Amino acid sequence: MNQNLQKLFSIAQKPERLCIGLMSGTSLDGLDIALCSFSGSGMQTGFKLLNFVTIPYEDEFKEQVKQVFAKRQADLQQVTLLNAFIGTYHAQLILQALKDWGVKPSEVDFIASHGQTIYHAPKHQHGQAGYGNATLQIGDGDHIAVKTGIITISDFRQKHIAAGGEGAPLALYGDVLLGSRPGENRVLLNIGGIANLTYLPGDGDLSKVLSTDIGPGNTLIDAACREHFGKPYDENAAIAYSGTVNETLLDALLHHPFFNERLPKTTGPELFNLDYVANAQQATRDLNIAKADLVATLSAFTARTIVRFIAQNFPVDGLKIFASGGGARNPFVMGQIKKGLPKAAIGNTADIGIDPDAKEAILFAALGNEAICGEPIVIGNNPAVLMGKFSFSV
């Protein structure tokens, strides 16, 4: 048997596997690196978060990615170069983290890498006849594997699409495995660039589980802060609190066909960008809105879409909501959500033993664990698939 296959077989049989989960989101803040220990698989999965760090990206790297990110027309050479470069860059950051933690690469069983999304194109969004759902993440897994010497599992979203899904949100699978609790209706809410959630019914009926994108998370708020204030994000919601929500503009932002699309659904900055905001301003003739009022309105937009979606789709009385992602640290957004859902108990995923900042990286580590030793699970109307492509170091 090929030595790489023998190694995989050996890893799958271990009572406990040491692995790294990677997440690089649309905000381009940096690379989330989670060192985890997993035992079991499926609904018997056990895990521990051993170490976690977000290593910020250099400004030059951010600018390189932005040249091709969420653009219908991009430099194909730049995409090609970045695919290899990001894999190598992520490998360097992984080795740096392992050195800081005093962990040898040879001790790590596998890496699960999300890669860097540069374009997400579900069919309902691109609308082109003859083409289905599509998405593209770059940061080649072979480069990570060879540079670190660690088996790498990557490109998870393609299998989901091949089996009939939209490639997102993949948090569904990890949320079910790590976040379910009998007798408790839960929503695991992630407010990253895009807001998404997973509903976990307390009766354990996996046919009732729903995981879907909701709408914008931080992407519009961050874009407005960069454009008008020269800041990457609204720290402590200081700008939003200094402004006033423009209800007319907010109402226009809320009126888009996406919000009535069949569930589950996905979206991205390809739709929710500053052009989307400008179109709403044109429609309402609110072209001269104060910039602080704009940030306040966009923050309220994120919160309102979340509140409206949860209220329309789930039994709110007694519902427990656990938030994660950068938006979970935005007091304006979270305050609006709590105000809009007074009968729900709202906290963050730390309350259930999952670091809110590390959650996405942990979930991809869980997908990697399933790829090695799990079995497909039927969850609602989602594809029952194991995801990820394997890259060997030799």
Protein backbone atom coordinates (compact mmCIF):
# COMPACT_ATOMS: atom_id res chain seq x y z
CA MET A 1 0.00 0.00 0.00
CA ASN A 2 1.16 3.53 -0.75
CA GLN A 3 2.83 5.02 2.34
CA ASN A 4 0.52 8.05 2.26
CA LEU A 5 -2.56 5.85 2.30
CA GLN A 6 -1.04 3.81 5.11
CA LYS A 7 -0.53 7.01 7.08
CA LEU A 8 -4.14 8.08 6.53
CA PHE A 9 -5.36 4.66 7.66
CA SER A 10 -3.20 4.95 10.79
CA ILE A 11 -4.52 8.46 11.57
CA ALA A 12 -8.12 7.31 11.15
CA GLN A 13 -7.58 4.52 13.70
CA LYS A 14 -6.06 6.76 16.38
CA PRO A 15 -8.21 7.33 19.48
CA GLU A 16 -7.26 11.01 19.34
CA ARG A 17 -6.08 13.15 16.42
CA LEU A 18 -4.10 16.39 16.65
CA CYS A 19 -4.96 18.78 13.85
CA ILE A 20 -4.99 22.39 12.69
CA GLY A 21 -8.04 24.21 11.35
CA LEU A 22 -7.54 27.28 9.17
CA MET A 23 -9.96 30.06 8.31
CA SER A 24 -9.37 33.16 6.21
CA GLY A 25 -12.56 35.16 5.84
CA THR A 26 -13.79 37.82 3.47
CA SER A 27 -12.76 40.57 5.91
CA LEU A 28 -9.10 39.69 5.22
CA ASP A 29 -8.14 40.43 8.84
CA GLY A 30 -5.70 37.56 9.02
CA LEU A 31 -5.37 33.80 9.22
CA ASP A 32 -7.21 32.03 12.05
CA ILE A 33 -5.18 29.01 13.21
CA ALA A 34 -6.78 26.58 15.66
CA LEU A 35 -4.83 23.66 17.12
CA CYS A 36 -7.40 21.03 18.08
CA SER A 37 -7.63 17.51 19.41
CA PHE A 38 -10.44 15.32 18.06
CA SER A 39 -11.76 11.96 19.16
CA GLY A 40 -14.50 9.96 17.51
CA SER A 41 -16.57 11.23 14.60
CA GLY A 42 -20.15 12.04 13.66
CA MET A 43 -22.50 12.66 16.57
CA GLN A 44 -19.90 11.07 18.90
CA THR A 45 -17.27 13.69 18.06
CA GLY A 46 -15.27 15.05 20.96
CA PHE A 47 -12.89 17.98 20.65
CA LYS A 48 -10.58 20.25 22.60
CA LEU A 49 -9.20 23.61 21.50
CA LEU A 50 -5.56 23.52 22.57
CA ASN A 51 -4.28 26.78 21.07
CA PHE A 52 -5.62 29.54 18.86
CA VAL A 53 -4.20 32.60 17.19
CA THR A 54 -5.17 35.04 14.46
CA ILE A 55 -2.06 36.22 12.64
CA PRO A 56 -2.83 39.55 10.97
CA TYR A 57 -2.21 39.88 7.26
CA GLU A 58 0.27 42.44 5.99
CA ASP A 59 -1.31 45.39 4.19
CA GLU A 60 0.49 44.56 0.95
CA PHE A 61 -1.02 41.06 0.96
CA LYS A 62 -4.51 42.42 1.60
CA GLU A 63 -4.19 44.76 -1.38
CA GLN A 64 -3.05 41.92 -3.62
CA VAL A 65 -6.10 39.83 -2.73
CA LYS A 66 -8.47 42.79 -3.07
CA GLN A 67 -7.35 43.16 -6.70
CA VAL A 68 -9.17 39.90 -7.53
CA PHE A 69 -11.68 39.57 -4.66
CA ALA A 70 -15.40 39.57 -5.54
CA LYS A 71 -14.70 41.02 -9.01
CA ARG A 72 -16.40 39.65 -12.12
CA GLN A 73 -13.40 40.75 -14.14
CA ALA A 74 -9.98 40.05 -12.65
CA ASP A 75 -6.38 39.55 -13.74
CA LEU A 76 -6.16 35.79 -14.41
CA GLN A 77 -2.39 35.81 -13.96
CA GLN A 78 -2.81 37.41 -10.53
CA VAL A 79 -5.36 34.73 -9.55
CA THR A 80 -2.97 32.00 -10.67
CA LEU A 81 -0.01 33.49 -8.82
CA LEU A 82 -2.01 34.07 -5.66
CA ASN A 83 -3.27 30.47 -5.61
CA ALA A 84 0.28 29.22 -5.06
CA PHE A 85 1.44 32.23 -3.05
CA ILE A 86 -1.38 32.02 -0.48
CA GLY A 87 -0.73 28.32 0.07
CA THR A 88 2.93 29.03 0.76
CA TYR A 89 2.12 32.09 2.89
CA HIS A 90 -0.37 30.15 5.02
CA ALA A 91 2.21 27.38 5.47
CA GLN A 92 4.69 29.94 6.81
CA LEU A 93 2.12 31.28 9.28
CA ILE A 94 1.28 27.74 10.44
CA LEU A 95 4.93 26.95 11.08
CA GLN A 96 5.28 30.24 12.96
CA ALA A 97 2.31 29.38 15.19
CA LEU A 98 3.55 25.85 15.87
CA LYS A 99 6.97 27.20 16.84
CA ASP A 100 5.36 29.70 19.21
CA TRP A 101 3.32 26.89 20.79
CA GLY A 102 6.26 24.51 21.06
CA VAL A 103 4.59 21.92 18.83
CA LYS A 104 6.57 20.00 16.20
CA PRO A 105 4.96 19.71 12.73
CA SER A 106 5.54 15.94 12.91
CA GLU A 107 3.16 15.81 15.90
CA VAL A 108 0.25 17.19 13.85
CA ASP A 109 -1.88 14.62 12.03
CA PHE A 110 -3.50 16.91 9.47
CA ILE A 111 -4.35 20.46 8.47
CA ALA A 112 -7.86 21.45 7.35
CA SER A 113 -7.67 24.60 5.22
CA HIS A 114 -10.61 26.68 4.09
CA GLY A 115 -8.50 28.72 1.69
CA GLN A 116 -9.32 32.27 0.61
CA THR A 117 -12.65 32.86 -1.10
CA ILE A 118 -12.28 35.19 -4.06
CA TYR A 119 -15.68 34.67 -5.70
CA HIS A 120 -18.97 33.09 -4.69
CA ALA A 121 -21.56 32.61 -7.44
CA PRO A 122 -24.73 30.69 -6.50
CA LYS A 123 -27.11 30.23 -9.43
CA HIS A 124 -29.80 32.47 -7.93
CA GLN A 125 -27.25 35.28 -7.94
CA HIS A 126 -25.51 34.88 -11.32
CA GLY A 127 -28.69 33.83 -13.17
CA GLN A 128 -26.88 32.44 -16.21
CA ALA A 129 -28.66 29.65 -18.07
CA GLY A 130 -26.72 26.44 -18.30
CA TYR A 131 -24.58 27.12 -15.26
CA GLY A 132 -25.15 25.92 -11.72
CA ASN A 133 -23.81 27.00 -8.33
CA ALA A 134 -20.12 27.85 -8.16
CA THR A 135 -17.52 29.18 -5.75
CA LEU A 136 -13.75 29.62 -5.81
CA GLN A 137 -11.28 29.44 -2.95
CA ILE A 138 -7.55 29.77 -3.60
CA GLY A 139 -4.50 28.89 -1.52
CA ASP A 140 -3.44 25.52 -2.89
CA GLY A 141 -3.37 22.63 -0.40
CA ASP A 142 -0.35 20.97 -2.03
CA HIS A 143 1.78 24.00 -1.21
CA ILE A 144 0.65 23.90 2.42
CA ALA A 145 1.34 20.16 2.69
CA VAL A 146 4.78 20.26 1.09
CA LYS A 147 5.93 23.37 2.99
CA THR A 148 4.73 22.14 6.40
CA GLY A 149 5.24 18.41 5.94
CA ILE A 150 1.67 17.83 7.17
CA ILE A 151 -1.18 16.13 5.29
CA THR A 152 -3.55 18.89 4.21
CA ILE A 153 -7.27 18.69 3.45
CA SER A 154 -8.64 21.65 1.49
CA ASP A 155 -11.16 22.89 -1.09
CA PHE A 156 -14.11 21.66 0.98
CA ARG A 157 -16.84 23.59 -0.81
CA GLN A 158 -16.58 21.92 -4.21
CA LYS A 159 -17.95 18.55 -3.04
CA HIS A 160 -20.95 20.30 -1.47
CA ILE A 161 -21.70 22.00 -4.80
CA ALA A 162 -21.10 18.82 -6.81
CA ALA A 163 -23.70 17.07 -4.63
CA GLY A 164 -26.31 19.79 -5.23
CA GLY A 165 -25.56 22.40 -2.56
CA GLU A 166 -24.36 25.98 -2.87
CA GLY A 167 -21.01 25.39 -1.18
CA ALA A 168 -22.09 27.26 1.95
CA PRO A 169 -22.63 27.63 4.76
CA LEU A 170 -20.51 24.62 5.66
CA ALA A 171 -20.74 25.57 9.32
CA LEU A 172 -23.86 23.41 9.31
CA TYR A 173 -21.98 20.14 9.70
CA GLY A 174 -19.68 21.24 12.50
CA ASP A 175 -22.49 23.09 14.27
CA VAL A 176 -24.56 19.90 14.39
CA LEU A 177 -21.64 17.76 15.58
CA LEU A 178 -20.33 20.18 18.21
CA GLY A 179 -23.24 22.45 19.15
CA SER A 180 -26.37 20.32 19.54
CA ARG A 181 -27.95 19.72 22.95
CA PRO A 182 -31.03 17.58 23.67
CA GLY A 183 -33.99 19.53 25.01
CA GLU A 184 -32.67 22.92 23.95
CA ASN A 185 -33.59 24.78 20.76
CA ARG A 186 -30.45 26.58 19.67
CA VAL A 187 -29.30 28.97 16.99
CA LEU A 188 -25.58 29.22 16.31
CA LEU A 189 -25.25 32.64 14.72
CA ASN A 190 -22.05 33.62 12.94
CA ILE A 191 -21.65 37.28 12.05
CA GLY A 192 -18.62 37.39 9.81
CA GLY A 193 -18.48 39.27 6.54
CA ILE A 194 -21.80 37.59 5.80
CA ALA A 195 -24.22 36.58 8.58
CA ASN A 196 -25.24 32.94 8.66
CA LEU A 197 -26.82 30.64 11.20
CA THR A 198 -27.62 27.05 12.03
CA TYR A 199 -30.85 26.11 13.81
CA LEU A 200 -30.47 23.07 16.07
CA PRO A 201 -33.82 21.70 17.34
CA GLY A 202 -33.88 20.40 20.88
CA ASP A 203 -35.69 17.19 19.86
CA GLY A 204 -32.60 16.06 17.91
CA ASP A 205 -34.54 15.67 14.65
CA LEU A 206 -31.86 16.36 12.03
CA SER A 207 -34.54 16.84 9.36
CA LYS A 208 -35.47 20.12 11.09
CA VAL A 209 -31.94 21.52 11.08
CA LEU A 210 -31.55 24.63 8.93
CA SER A 211 -28.28 26.30 8.02
CA THR A 212 -28.31 29.29 5.71
CA ASP A 213 -26.85 32.68 4.97
CA ILE A 214 -29.07 35.52 6.17
CA GLY A 215 -27.54 38.62 4.60
CA PRO A 216 -24.73 41.06 5.32
CA GLY A 217 -22.74 40.70 8.51
CA ASN A 218 -19.78 43.06 8.78
CA THR A 219 -19.06 43.47 5.09
CA LEU A 220 -21.06 46.67 4.47
CA ILE A 221 -20.15 48.22 7.84
CA ASP A 222 -16.45 47.57 7.23
CA ALA A 223 -16.61 48.83 3.64
CA ALA A 224 -18.24 52.09 4.76
CA CYS A 225 -15.67 52.54 7.53
CA ARG A 226 -12.81 52.08 5.06
CA GLU A 227 -14.38 54.34 2.46
CA HIS A 228 -15.45 57.24 4.67
CA PHE A 229 -13.33 57.01 7.83
CA GLY A 230 -10.13 55.29 6.74
CA LYS A 231 -10.68 52.58 9.35
CA PRO A 232 -10.86 48.80 8.77
CA TYR A 233 -13.93 48.43 11.01
CA ASP A 234 -16.09 50.26 13.54
CA GLU A 235 -14.23 49.56 16.77
CA ASN A 236 -16.66 49.22 19.69
CA ALA A 237 -19.34 50.61 17.33
CA ALA A 238 -18.13 54.12 18.16
CA ILE A 239 -19.10 55.47 14.73
CA ALA A 240 -22.53 53.80 14.73
CA TYR A 241 -23.31 55.16 18.19
CA SER A 242 -22.35 58.66 17.03
CA GLY A 243 -24.88 58.50 14.19
CA THR A 244 -28.62 58.09 13.76
CA VAL A 245 -30.35 55.29 11.86
CA ASN A 246 -32.03 56.55 8.68
CA GLU A 247 -35.22 54.49 8.62
CA THR A 248 -36.08 55.38 5.02
CA LEU A 249 -32.72 54.15 3.75
CA LEU A 250 -32.91 51.11 6.04
CA ASP A 251 -36.27 50.16 4.54
CA ALA A 252 -34.81 50.41 1.02
CA LEU A 253 -31.83 48.24 1.99
CA LEU A 254 -34.22 45.58 3.28
CA HIS A 255 -36.07 45.33 -0.03
CA HIS A 256 -34.18 42.96 -2.27
CA PRO A 257 -35.22 39.64 -3.88
CA PHE A 258 -32.44 37.83 -2.00
CA PHE A 259 -34.38 38.08 1.24
CA ASN A 260 -37.27 36.10 -0.25
CA GLU A 261 -35.14 33.39 -1.89
CA ARG A 262 -35.86 29.74 -1.12
CA LEU A 263 -33.93 28.35 1.87
CA PRO A 264 -31.17 27.47 2.35
CA LYS A 265 -29.42 30.20 0.39
CA THR A 266 -26.00 31.80 0.18
CA THR A 267 -24.60 35.18 -0.73
CA GLY A 268 -21.46 37.28 -0.47
CA PRO A 269 -19.81 40.66 -1.10
CA GLU A 270 -20.54 40.10 -4.78
CA LEU A 271 -24.07 41.31 -3.89
CA PHE A 272 -23.70 43.15 -0.61
CA ASN A 273 -21.18 45.86 -1.43
CA LEU A 274 -21.08 49.65 -1.62
CA ASP A 275 -22.85 49.57 -5.02
CA TYR A 276 -25.79 47.90 -3.24
CA VAL A 277 -25.81 50.78 -0.74
CA ALA A 278 -25.48 53.41 -3.46
CA ASN A 279 -28.45 51.95 -5.32
CA ALA A 280 -30.57 52.15 -2.17
CA GLN A 281 -29.46 55.74 -1.65
CA GLN A 282 -30.40 56.58 -5.23
CA ALA A 283 -33.83 55.00 -4.77
CA THR A 284 -34.51 57.03 -1.62
CA ARG A 285 -32.61 60.15 -2.71
CA ASP A 286 -30.62 60.00 0.52
CA LEU A 287 -27.38 60.88 -1.28
CA ASN A 288 -26.10 63.33 1.30
CA ILE A 289 -26.62 61.26 4.43
CA ALA A 290 -24.05 61.98 7.15
CA LYS A 291 -21.33 59.34 7.10
CA ALA A 292 -21.86 58.38 10.75
CA ASP A 293 -25.59 58.01 10.04
CA LEU A 294 -24.70 55.72 7.13
CA VAL A 295 -22.61 53.44 9.38
CA ALA A 296 -25.40 53.43 11.98
CA THR A 297 -27.93 52.51 9.29
CA LEU A 298 -25.78 49.72 7.86
CA SER A 299 -25.25 48.35 11.38
CA ALA A 300 -29.00 48.40 11.93
CA PHE A 301 -29.43 46.69 8.53
CA THR A 302 -27.27 43.76 9.66
CA ALA A 303 -29.17 43.45 12.94
CA ARG A 304 -32.62 43.87 11.37
CA THR A 305 -32.07 41.15 8.78
CA ILE A 306 -30.97 38.75 11.52
CA VAL A 307 -33.89 39.60 13.81
CA ARG A 308 -36.44 39.38 11.02
CA PHE A 309 -35.13 36.05 9.78
CA ILE A 310 -35.07 34.39 13.20
CA ALA A 311 -38.50 35.73 14.16
CA GLN A 312 -40.04 34.49 10.91
CA ASN A 313 -38.51 31.02 10.89
CA PHE A 314 -38.05 29.70 14.44
CA PRO A 315 -39.93 29.49 17.76
CA VAL A 316 -38.33 32.44 19.55
CA ASP A 317 -39.76 31.91 23.04
CA GLY A 318 -36.99 30.19 25.02
CA LEU A 319 -34.67 30.02 21.99
CA LYS A 320 -30.98 30.16 22.89
CA ILE A 321 -28.79 32.08 20.46
CA PHE A 322 -25.01 31.77 20.57
CA ALA A 323 -23.13 34.31 18.46
CA SER A 324 -19.62 34.22 17.01
CA GLY A 325 -17.55 36.11 14.46
CA GLY A 326 -16.44 39.73 14.44
CA GLY A 327 -20.01 41.00 14.57
CA ALA A 328 -20.52 39.31 17.94
CA ARG A 329 -18.12 41.93 19.33
CA ASN A 330 -20.09 44.83 17.84
CA PRO A 331 -22.19 46.18 20.75
CA PHE A 332 -24.48 48.20 18.48
CA VAL A 333 -25.39 45.20 16.33
CA MET A 334 -25.76 42.84 19.28
CA GLY A 335 -27.80 45.41 21.20
CA GLN A 336 -30.21 45.75 18.28
CA ILE A 337 -30.55 41.96 18.03
CA LYS A 338 -31.29 41.62 21.74
CA LYS A 339 -33.83 44.42 21.54
CA GLY A 340 -35.53 42.79 18.55
CA LEU A 341 -35.67 39.29 20.11
CA PRO A 342 -36.56 39.92 23.78
CA LYS A 343 -37.89 36.39 24.36
CA ALA A 344 -34.66 34.70 23.25
CA ALA A 345 -31.58 34.19 25.42
CA ILE A 346 -28.61 35.65 23.57
CA GLY A 347 -24.96 34.99 24.39
CA ASN A 348 -21.92 33.81 22.48
CA THR A 349 -20.45 30.42 21.69
CA ALA A 350 -18.05 30.63 24.64
CA ASP A 351 -21.14 29.72 26.70
CA ILE A 352 -21.08 26.27 25.05
CA GLY A 353 -17.32 25.80 25.15
CA ILE A 354 -16.44 27.11 21.68
CA ASP A 355 -14.20 30.17 21.43
CA PRO A 356 -16.21 32.67 19.30
CA ASP A 357 -13.09 33.89 17.50
CA ALA A 358 -11.87 30.35 16.78
CA LYS A 359 -15.24 28.83 15.84
CA GLU A 360 -14.87 28.89 12.05
CA ALA A 361 -11.36 27.41 12.17
CA ILE A 362 -12.57 24.73 14.60
CA LEU A 363 -15.45 23.84 12.29
CA PHE A 364 -13.12 23.27 9.35
CA ALA A 365 -10.93 21.11 11.56
CA ALA A 366 -14.09 19.11 12.32
CA LEU A 367 -14.77 18.75 8.58
CA GLY A 368 -11.23 17.46 8.16
CA ASN A 369 -11.78 14.95 10.94
CA GLU A 370 -14.95 13.74 9.22
CA ALA A 371 -13.14 13.45 5.89
CA ILE A 372 -10.65 11.06 7.48
CA CYS A 373 -12.81 8.92 9.72
CA GLY A 374 -16.47 9.96 9.44
CA GLU A 375 -19.48 8.83 7.45
CA PRO A 376 -21.93 11.03 5.50
CA ILE A 377 -24.78 12.33 7.67
CA VAL A 378 -28.23 13.30 6.40
CA ILE A 379 -29.04 16.75 7.81
CA GLY A 380 -32.22 18.38 6.54
CA ASN A 381 -32.10 18.80 2.77
CA ASN A 382 -28.33 19.28 2.72
CA PRO A 383 -26.00 17.00 0.75
CA ALA A 384 -24.88 13.99 2.82
CA VAL A 385 -21.22 14.17 1.83
CA LEU A 386 -17.71 14.08 3.21
CA MET A 387 -15.79 17.07 1.90
CA GLY A 388 -12.21 18.02 1.18
CA LYS A 389 -9.34 17.10 -1.13
CA PHE A 390 -6.24 15.41 0.29
CA SER A 391 -2.74 16.75 -0.32
CA PHE A 392 0.23 14.69 0.82
CA SER A 393 3.57 16.15 1.84
CA VAL A 394 5.59 13.65 -0.21
